């Protein structure tokens, strides 16, 4: 005999997973804002900059922004790797204790 599927439970699990993913994305965006120093901007200015970027049709400008962002994340990854190799105790504390992790809560709220 076939096992009866509990569609309600499956749907609830999928909704919970979607909610978790959205919350993680919002947290990561807040961490990016803090890590780049954009949390020093007032909310209106930051929103204006983001709206300008989203509405931009200039492909070369978008590519330049993408390249600059990629370089930013590569620098951060190299710094974290260097810190991890330098001292075991500070290496584990540094990546989670940087501006992205420490100020992320204030950037979201």
C-alpha atoms as a PDB file:
ATOM      1  CA  UNK A   1       0.000   0.000   0.000  1.00  0.00           C
ATOM      2  CA  UNK A   2       1.250   3.505  -0.856  1.00  0.00           C
ATOM      3  CA  UNK A   3       2.226   5.913   1.859  1.00  0.00           C
ATOM      4  CA  UNK A   4      -0.111   8.888   2.086  1.00  0.00           C
ATOM      5  CA  UNK A   5       1.671  12.219   1.620  1.00  0.00           C
ATOM      6  CA  UNK A   6       1.002  14.994   4.054  1.00  0.00           C
ATOM      7  CA  UNK A   7       0.816  17.923   1.658  1.00  0.00           C
ATOM      8  CA  UNK A   8       0.065  20.407   4.417  1.00  0.00           C
ATOM      9  CA  UNK A   9       3.216  19.449   6.305  1.00  0.00           C
ATOM     10  CA  UNK A  10       5.308  19.578   3.127  1.00  0.00           C
ATOM     11  CA  UNK A  11       3.916  22.998   2.237  1.00  0.00           C
ATOM     12  CA  UNK A  12       4.578  24.273   5.748  1.00  0.00           C
ATOM     13  CA  UNK A  13       8.165  22.970   5.579  1.00  0.00           C
ATOM     14  CA  UNK A  14       8.700  24.688   2.218  1.00  0.00           C
ATOM     15  CA  UNK A  15       7.262  27.955   3.536  1.00  0.00           C
ATOM     16  CA  UNK A  16       9.504  27.739   6.613  1.00  0.00           C
ATOM     17  CA  UNK A  17      12.553  27.133   4.404  1.00  0.00           C
ATOM     18  CA  UNK A  18      11.617  30.076   2.147  1.00  0.00           C
ATOM     19  CA  UNK A  19      11.227  32.305   5.214  1.00  0.00           C
ATOM     20  CA  UNK A  20      14.648  31.226   6.506  1.00  0.00           C
ATOM     21  CA  UNK A  21      16.281  31.912   3.142  1.00  0.00           C
ATOM     22  CA  UNK A  22      14.700  35.359   2.936  1.00  0.00           C
ATOM     23  CA  UNK A  23      15.803  36.204   6.479  1.00  0.00           C
ATOM     24  CA  UNK A  24      19.360  35.073   5.698  1.00  0.00           C
ATOM     25  CA  UNK A  25      19.393  37.194   2.534  1.00  0.00           C
ATOM     26  CA  UNK A  26      18.214  40.268   4.457  1.00  0.00           C
ATOM     27  CA  UNK A  27      20.884  39.661   7.098  1.00  0.00           C
ATOM     28  CA  UNK A  28      23.594  39.289   4.444  1.00  0.00           C
ATOM     29  CA  UNK A  29      22.498  42.511   2.751  1.00  0.00           C
ATOM     30  CA  UNK A  30      22.734  44.299   6.088  1.00  0.00           C
ATOM     31  CA  UNK A  31      26.209  42.872   6.586  1.00  0.00           C
ATOM     32  CA  UNK A  32      27.272  44.123   3.147  1.00  0.00           C
ATOM     33  CA  UNK A  33      25.952  47.596   3.943  1.00  0.00           C
ATOM     34  CA  UNK A  34      27.930  47.647   7.197  1.00  0.00           C
ATOM     35  CA  UNK A  35      31.104  46.112   5.722  1.00  0.00           C
ATOM     36  CA  UNK A  36      31.263  48.663   2.910  1.00  0.00           C
ATOM     37  CA  UNK A  37      30.730  51.559   5.297  1.00  0.00           C
ATOM     38  CA  UNK A  38      27.427  52.452   3.658  1.00  0.00           C
ATOM     39  CA  UNK A  39      25.765  52.297   7.066  1.00  0.00           C
ATOM     40  CA  UNK A  40      27.254  55.771   7.629  1.00  0.00           C
ATOM     41  CA  UNK A  41      24.885  57.110   4.953  1.00  0.00           C
ATOM     42  CA  UNK A  42      21.397  58.176   5.904  1.00  0.00           C
ATOM     43  CA  UNK A  43      18.638  55.821   4.750  1.00  0.00           C
ATOM     44  CA  UNK A  44      17.372  58.189   2.041  1.00  0.00           C
ATOM     45  CA  UNK A  45      20.814  58.558   0.452  1.00  0.00           C
ATOM     46  CA  UNK A  46      21.462  54.828   0.539  1.00  0.00           C
ATOM     47  CA  UNK A  47      18.057  54.113  -0.985  1.00  0.00           C
ATOM     48  CA  UNK A  48      18.690  56.706  -3.691  1.00  0.00           C
ATOM     49  CA  UNK A  49      22.047  55.185  -4.592  1.00  0.00           C
ATOM     50  CA  UNK A  50      20.556  51.709  -4.792  1.00  0.00           C
ATOM     51  CA  UNK A  51      17.601  52.898  -6.869  1.00  0.00           C
ATOM     52  CA  UNK A  52      20.006  54.608  -9.271  1.00  0.00           C
ATOM     53  CA  UNK A  53      22.004  51.382  -9.623  1.00  0.00           C
ATOM     54  CA  UNK A  54      18.895  49.273 -10.180  1.00  0.00           C
ATOM     55  CA  UNK A  55      17.493  51.706 -12.748  1.00  0.00           C
ATOM     56  CA  UNK A  56      20.761  52.185 -14.614  1.00  0.00           C
ATOM     57  CA  UNK A  57      20.782  51.036 -18.243  1.00  0.00           C
ATOM     58  CA  UNK A  58      24.548  51.619 -18.584  1.00  0.00           C
ATOM     59  CA  UNK A  59      26.032  48.139 -18.978  1.00  0.00           C
ATOM     60  CA  UNK A  60      29.615  49.369 -18.657  1.00  0.00           C
ATOM     61  CA  UNK A  61      28.836  51.104 -15.347  1.00  0.00           C
ATOM     62  CA  UNK A  62      27.146  47.956 -14.029  1.00  0.00           C
ATOM     63  CA  UNK A  63      30.155  45.864 -15.063  1.00  0.00           C
ATOM     64  CA  UNK A  64      32.493  48.315 -13.322  1.00  0.00           C
ATOM     65  CA  UNK A  65      30.369  48.104 -10.155  1.00  0.00           C
ATOM     66  CA  UNK A  66      30.354  44.312 -10.359  1.00  0.00           C
ATOM     67  CA  UNK A  67      34.145  44.173 -10.771  1.00  0.00           C
ATOM     68  CA  UNK A  68      34.655  46.570  -7.864  1.00  0.00           C
ATOM     69  CA  UNK A  69      32.354  44.489  -5.680  1.00  0.00           C
ATOM     70  CA  UNK A  70      34.132  41.263  -6.627  1.00  0.00           C
ATOM     71  CA  UNK A  71      37.486  42.856  -5.754  1.00  0.00           C
ATOM     72  CA  UNK A  72      36.051  43.984  -2.404  1.00  0.00           C
ATOM     73  CA  UNK A  73      34.994  40.445  -1.498  1.00  0.00           C
ATOM     74  CA  UNK A  74      38.312  38.979  -2.689  1.00  0.00           C
ATOM     75  CA  UNK A  75      40.249  41.422  -0.477  1.00  0.00           C
ATOM     76  CA  UNK A  76      38.084  40.473   2.498  1.00  0.00           C
ATOM     77  CA  UNK A  77      38.616  36.762   1.811  1.00  0.00           C
ATOM     78  CA  UNK A  78      42.392  37.239   1.596  1.00  0.00           C
ATOM     79  CA  UNK A  79      42.438  39.226   4.859  1.00  0.00           C
ATOM     80  CA  UNK A  80      40.410  36.533   6.611  1.00  0.00           C
ATOM     81  CA  UNK A  81      42.697  33.788   5.276  1.00  0.00           C
ATOM     82  CA  UNK A  82      45.815  35.685   6.354  1.00  0.00           C
ATOM     83  CA  UNK A  83      44.372  36.224   9.829  1.00  0.00           C
ATOM     84  CA  UNK A  84      43.491  32.542  10.121  1.00  0.00           C
ATOM     85  CA  UNK A  85      47.038  31.516   9.207  1.00  0.00           C
ATOM     86  CA  UNK A  86      48.688  34.072  11.496  1.00  0.00           C
ATOM     87  CA  UNK A  87      47.159  33.121  14.839  1.00  0.00           C
ATOM     88  CA  UNK A  88      44.687  30.319  15.468  1.00  0.00           C
ATOM     89  CA  UNK A  89      42.825  32.138  18.246  1.00  0.00           C
ATOM     90  CA  UNK A  90      42.481  35.484  16.485  1.00  0.00           C
ATOM     91  CA  UNK A  91      41.888  33.784  13.128  1.00  0.00           C
ATOM     92  CA  UNK A  92      38.655  32.266  14.329  1.00  0.00           C
ATOM     93  CA  UNK A  93      37.523  35.480  15.958  1.00  0.00           C
ATOM     94  CA  UNK A  94      38.390  37.874  13.107  1.00  0.00           C
ATOM     95  CA  UNK A  95      36.073  36.711  10.271  1.00  0.00           C
ATOM     96  CA  UNK A  96      32.992  36.639  12.487  1.00  0.00           C
ATOM     97  CA  UNK A  97      33.990  39.703  14.470  1.00  0.00           C
ATOM     98  CA  UNK A  98      34.547  42.117  11.589  1.00  0.00           C
ATOM     99  CA  UNK A  99      32.326  45.062  10.700  1.00  0.00           C
ATOM    100  CA  UNK A 100      30.062  42.837   8.606  1.00  0.00           C
ATOM    101  CA  UNK A 101      29.215  40.516  11.446  1.00  0.00           C
ATOM    102  CA  UNK A 102      29.299  42.966  14.311  1.00  0.00           C
ATOM    103  CA  UNK A 103      27.207  45.769  12.870  1.00  0.00           C
ATOM    104  CA  UNK A 104      24.808  43.729  10.764  1.00  0.00           C
ATOM    105  CA  UNK A 105      22.068  43.896  13.383  1.00  0.00           C
ATOM    106  CA  UNK A 106      22.150  47.681  13.563  1.00  0.00           C
ATOM    107  CA  UNK A 107      22.122  48.031   9.784  1.00  0.00           C
ATOM    108  CA  UNK A 108      18.913  46.017   9.572  1.00  0.00           C
ATOM    109  CA  UNK A 109      17.043  47.801  12.296  1.00  0.00           C
END
